[in-house]
Amino acid sequence: MIRPETLVQQFRKRPFQPIRLVAEEGLRYDIYHPDGVIVLERDLIIAMAPNNHGVFHQSVRVSLAHLVAVEDLPMAPVGTQSDEA
């Protein structure tokens, strides 16, 4: 299990480095902006599909117990936010 404190540190880095969260079911969540993620004690809430005004249309709750890896991603083009791959 990835510790919540580790993720909070990752999301607070400046400049923010986009990351991919990989869950044991094979699901992958690409995070291009830290404002789209809420770190809870045992879960993450990941907001996805923002519109041009930064309003997110949906979210997913992911258990930290199911995360198996955190991978660095290249910097995103301007305007890209959080998105599920």
N, C-alpha and C. Protein backbone atom coordinates (compact mmCIF):
# COMPACT_ATOMS: atom_id res chain seq x y z
N MET A 1 0.85 -1.19 0.00
CA MET A 1 0.00 0.00 0.00
C MET A 1 0.89 1.25 0.00
N ILE A 2 0.50 2.20 -0.81
CA ILE A 2 1.21 3.48 -0.86
C ILE A 2 0.66 4.35 0.26
N ARG A 3 1.55 4.92 1.03
CA ARG A 3 1.13 5.73 2.19
C ARG A 3 0.54 7.07 1.74
N PRO A 4 -0.51 7.52 2.42
CA PRO A 4 -1.11 8.80 2.04
C PRO A 4 -0.14 9.97 2.14
N GLU A 5 0.75 9.93 3.13
CA GLU A 5 1.73 11.01 3.31
C GLU A 5 2.67 11.11 2.10
N THR A 6 3.00 9.96 1.53
CA THR A 6 3.86 9.94 0.34
C THR A 6 3.17 10.64 -0.83
N LEU A 7 1.88 10.38 -1.01
CA LEU A 7 1.14 11.01 -2.10
C LEU A 7 0.97 12.51 -1.85
N VAL A 8 0.70 12.90 -0.62
CA VAL A 8 0.57 14.33 -0.31
C VAL A 8 1.86 15.06 -0.66
N GLN A 9 3.01 14.47 -0.30
CA GLN A 9 4.29 15.09 -0.64
C GLN A 9 4.45 15.20 -2.16
N GLN A 10 4.04 14.16 -2.87
CA GLN A 10 4.15 14.16 -4.34
C GLN A 10 3.30 15.29 -4.95
N PHE A 11 2.09 15.47 -4.43
CA PHE A 11 1.18 16.48 -4.98
C PHE A 11 1.57 17.90 -4.58
N ARG A 12 2.38 18.06 -3.53
CA ARG A 12 2.81 19.39 -3.09
C ARG A 12 4.09 19.86 -3.78
N LYS A 13 4.78 18.99 -4.49
CA LYS A 13 6.02 19.37 -5.16
C LYS A 13 5.75 20.49 -6.15
N ARG A 14 6.68 21.45 -6.20
CA ARG A 14 6.59 22.54 -7.16
C ARG A 14 7.90 22.63 -7.90
N PRO A 15 7.92 22.62 -9.20
CA PRO A 15 6.72 22.45 -10.02
C PRO A 15 6.19 21.03 -9.90
N PHE A 16 4.89 20.90 -10.08
CA PHE A 16 4.26 19.59 -9.98
C PHE A 16 4.69 18.71 -11.15
N GLN A 17 5.08 17.50 -10.85
CA GLN A 17 5.45 16.51 -11.86
C GLN A 17 4.25 15.58 -12.07
N PRO A 18 3.66 15.56 -13.27
CA PRO A 18 2.53 14.66 -13.52
C PRO A 18 2.89 13.21 -13.21
N ILE A 19 1.92 12.47 -12.69
CA ILE A 19 2.16 11.07 -12.33
C ILE A 19 1.03 10.18 -12.82
N ARG A 20 1.33 8.91 -12.91
CA ARG A 20 0.33 7.88 -13.22
C ARG A 20 0.22 7.00 -11.99
N LEU A 21 -1.01 6.84 -11.51
CA LEU A 21 -1.28 5.92 -10.41
C LEU A 21 -1.77 4.62 -11.03
N VAL A 22 -1.17 3.51 -10.64
CA VAL A 22 -1.52 2.20 -11.18
C VAL A 22 -2.14 1.37 -10.08
N ALA A 23 -3.36 0.87 -10.33
CA ALA A 23 -4.05 0.03 -9.37
C ALA A 23 -3.86 -1.43 -9.73
N GLU A 24 -4.02 -2.31 -8.75
CA GLU A 24 -3.77 -3.74 -9.00
C GLU A 24 -4.73 -4.33 -10.02
N GLU A 25 -5.86 -3.74 -10.28
CA GLU A 25 -6.79 -4.25 -11.30
C GLU A 25 -6.35 -3.88 -12.71
N GLY A 26 -5.23 -3.16 -12.82
CA GLY A 26 -4.75 -2.72 -14.12
C GLY A 26 -5.24 -1.34 -14.50
N LEU A 27 -6.07 -0.74 -13.67
CA LEU A 27 -6.54 0.63 -13.94
C LEU A 27 -5.40 1.61 -13.76
N ARG A 28 -5.40 2.63 -14.59
CA ARG A 28 -4.36 3.65 -14.54
C ARG A 28 -5.03 5.03 -14.51
N TYR A 29 -4.53 5.88 -13.64
CA TYR A 29 -5.07 7.23 -13.50
C TYR A 29 -3.93 8.22 -13.71
N ASP A 30 -4.02 9.00 -14.76
CA ASP A 30 -3.01 10.01 -15.05
C ASP A 30 -3.40 11.31 -14.37
N ILE A 31 -2.51 11.83 -13.55
CA ILE A 31 -2.76 13.05 -12.79
C ILE A 31 -1.84 14.14 -13.33
N TYR A 32 -2.45 15.15 -13.97
CA TYR A 32 -1.68 16.24 -14.54
C TYR A 32 -1.77 17.52 -13.71
N HIS A 33 -2.66 17.53 -12.72
CA HIS A 33 -2.78 18.71 -11.87
C HIS A 33 -3.19 18.27 -10.47
N PRO A 34 -2.47 18.72 -9.44
CA PRO A 34 -2.75 18.24 -8.09
C PRO A 34 -4.11 18.68 -7.53
N ASP A 35 -4.73 19.71 -8.09
CA ASP A 35 -6.04 20.15 -7.59
C ASP A 35 -7.14 19.14 -7.88
N GLY A 36 -6.88 18.18 -8.75
CA GLY A 36 -7.88 17.18 -9.09
C GLY A 36 -7.86 15.96 -8.19
N VAL A 37 -7.09 16.01 -7.10
CA VAL A 37 -6.97 14.84 -6.23
C VAL A 37 -7.14 15.24 -4.77
N ILE A 38 -7.91 14.45 -4.05
CA ILE A 38 -8.04 14.60 -2.60
C ILE A 38 -7.48 13.33 -1.98
N VAL A 39 -6.51 13.48 -1.10
CA VAL A 39 -5.90 12.33 -0.43
C VAL A 39 -6.59 12.16 0.92
N LEU A 40 -7.19 10.99 1.11
CA LEU A 40 -7.81 10.64 2.38
C LEU A 40 -6.91 9.61 3.08
N GLU A 41 -7.26 9.24 4.28
CA GLU A 41 -6.44 8.31 5.05
C GLU A 41 -6.27 6.96 4.35
N ARG A 42 -7.34 6.47 3.71
CA ARG A 42 -7.30 5.15 3.08
C ARG A 42 -7.69 5.15 1.60
N ASP A 43 -8.08 6.31 1.09
CA ASP A 43 -8.57 6.41 -0.28
C ASP A 43 -8.07 7.69 -0.94
N LEU A 44 -8.24 7.72 -2.25
CA LEU A 44 -8.05 8.94 -3.04
C LEU A 44 -9.36 9.23 -3.75
N ILE A 45 -9.68 10.49 -3.90
CA ILE A 45 -10.77 10.89 -4.77
C ILE A 45 -10.11 11.63 -5.93
N ILE A 46 -10.29 11.10 -7.13
CA ILE A 46 -9.66 11.66 -8.32
C ILE A 46 -10.75 12.25 -9.21
N ALA A 47 -10.67 13.56 -9.42
CA ALA A 47 -11.62 14.25 -10.31
C ALA A 47 -11.11 14.12 -11.74
N MET A 48 -12.04 13.88 -12.66
CA MET A 48 -11.65 13.65 -14.06
C MET A 48 -12.49 14.48 -15.00
N ALA A 49 -11.98 14.63 -16.21
CA ALA A 49 -12.67 15.27 -17.33
C ALA A 49 -13.07 16.72 -17.04
N PRO A 50 -12.10 17.60 -16.77
CA PRO A 50 -12.45 19.01 -16.54
C PRO A 50 -12.85 19.69 -17.84
N ASN A 51 -13.75 20.68 -17.71
CA ASN A 51 -14.10 21.46 -18.90
C ASN A 51 -13.13 22.64 -19.02
N ASN A 52 -13.37 23.53 -19.95
CA ASN A 52 -12.47 24.66 -20.18
C ASN A 52 -12.41 25.64 -19.01
N HIS A 53 -13.38 25.56 -18.10
CA HIS A 53 -13.42 26.46 -16.95
C HIS A 53 -12.84 25.81 -15.70
N GLY A 54 -12.28 24.59 -15.83
CA GLY A 54 -11.69 23.90 -14.70
C GLY A 54 -12.69 23.17 -13.83
N VAL A 55 -13.94 23.03 -14.30
CA VAL A 55 -14.97 22.32 -13.54
C VAL A 55 -14.91 20.85 -13.94
N PHE A 56 -14.78 19.98 -12.95
CA PHE A 56 -14.69 18.55 -13.21
C PHE A 56 -16.08 17.94 -13.33
N HIS A 57 -16.21 16.97 -14.24
CA HIS A 57 -17.51 16.36 -14.52
C HIS A 57 -17.76 15.07 -13.76
N GLN A 58 -16.72 14.41 -13.32
CA GLN A 58 -16.90 13.15 -12.63
C GLN A 58 -15.71 12.89 -11.71
N SER A 59 -15.88 11.92 -10.83
CA SER A 59 -14.78 11.55 -9.95
C SER A 59 -14.83 10.05 -9.71
N VAL A 60 -13.71 9.54 -9.22
CA VAL A 60 -13.62 8.13 -8.87
C VAL A 60 -12.91 8.04 -7.52
N ARG A 61 -13.35 7.09 -6.71
CA ARG A 61 -12.71 6.85 -5.42
C ARG A 61 -11.86 5.59 -5.56
N VAL A 62 -10.58 5.70 -5.20
CA VAL A 62 -9.63 4.59 -5.33
C VAL A 62 -9.04 4.30 -3.96
N SER A 63 -9.08 3.06 -3.56
CA SER A 63 -8.50 2.65 -2.29
C SER A 63 -6.98 2.64 -2.39
N LEU A 64 -6.31 3.22 -1.41
CA LEU A 64 -4.85 3.21 -1.40
C LEU A 64 -4.32 1.78 -1.32
N ALA A 65 -5.09 0.88 -0.73
CA ALA A 65 -4.68 -0.52 -0.61
C ALA A 65 -4.56 -1.18 -1.98
N HIS A 66 -5.22 -0.63 -3.00
CA HIS A 66 -5.20 -1.22 -4.34
C HIS A 66 -4.18 -0.58 -5.27
N LEU A 67 -3.51 0.48 -4.81
CA LEU A 67 -2.47 1.10 -5.65
C LEU A 67 -1.19 0.28 -5.57
N VAL A 68 -0.62 0.00 -6.73
CA VAL A 68 0.60 -0.81 -6.76
C VAL A 68 1.82 -0.04 -7.26
N ALA A 69 1.60 1.11 -7.92
CA ALA A 69 2.75 1.86 -8.44
C ALA A 69 2.38 3.31 -8.68
N VAL A 70 3.41 4.15 -8.61
CA VAL A 70 3.32 5.56 -8.98
C VAL A 70 4.43 5.79 -10.00
N GLU A 71 4.06 6.24 -11.20
CA GLU A 71 5.03 6.45 -12.27
C GLU A 71 5.04 7.91 -12.69
N ASP A 72 6.20 8.43 -13.01
CA ASP A 72 6.31 9.80 -13.54
C ASP A 72 5.80 9.83 -14.97
N LEU A 73 5.14 10.92 -15.32
CA LEU A 73 4.68 11.16 -16.69
C LEU A 73 5.38 12.39 -17.24
N PRO A 74 5.47 12.52 -18.56
CA PRO A 74 6.00 13.76 -19.13
C PRO A 74 5.04 14.91 -18.84
N MET A 75 5.55 16.11 -18.89
CA MET A 75 4.70 17.28 -18.65
C MET A 75 3.58 17.30 -19.68
N ALA A 76 2.39 17.70 -19.24
CA ALA A 76 1.20 17.71 -20.10
C ALA A 76 1.14 18.99 -20.91
N PRO A 77 0.46 18.94 -22.06
CA PRO A 77 0.20 20.16 -22.80
C PRO A 77 -0.66 21.09 -21.95
N VAL A 78 -0.57 22.39 -22.17
CA VAL A 78 -1.36 23.37 -21.43
C VAL A 78 -2.84 23.05 -21.57
N GLY A 79 -3.57 23.11 -20.44
CA GLY A 79 -5.01 22.85 -20.46
C GLY A 79 -5.37 21.44 -20.08
N THR A 80 -4.40 20.52 -19.98
CA THR A 80 -4.71 19.15 -19.60
C THR A 80 -4.75 19.07 -18.08
N GLN A 81 -5.74 18.37 -17.57
CA GLN A 81 -5.88 18.21 -16.12
C GLN A 81 -5.74 16.73 -15.76
N SER A 82 -6.59 16.24 -14.89
CA SER A 82 -6.58 14.85 -14.45
C SER A 82 -7.44 14.04 -15.41
N ASP A 83 -6.95 12.84 -15.75
CA ASP A 83 -7.68 12.03 -16.73
C ASP A 83 -7.37 10.57 -16.49
N GLU A 84 -8.36 9.72 -16.69
CA GLU A 84 -8.13 8.29 -16.59
C GLU A 84 -7.65 7.79 -17.94
N ALA A 85 -6.58 7.01 -17.93
CA ALA A 85 -6.03 6.46 -19.19
C ALA A 85 -6.80 5.25 -19.65
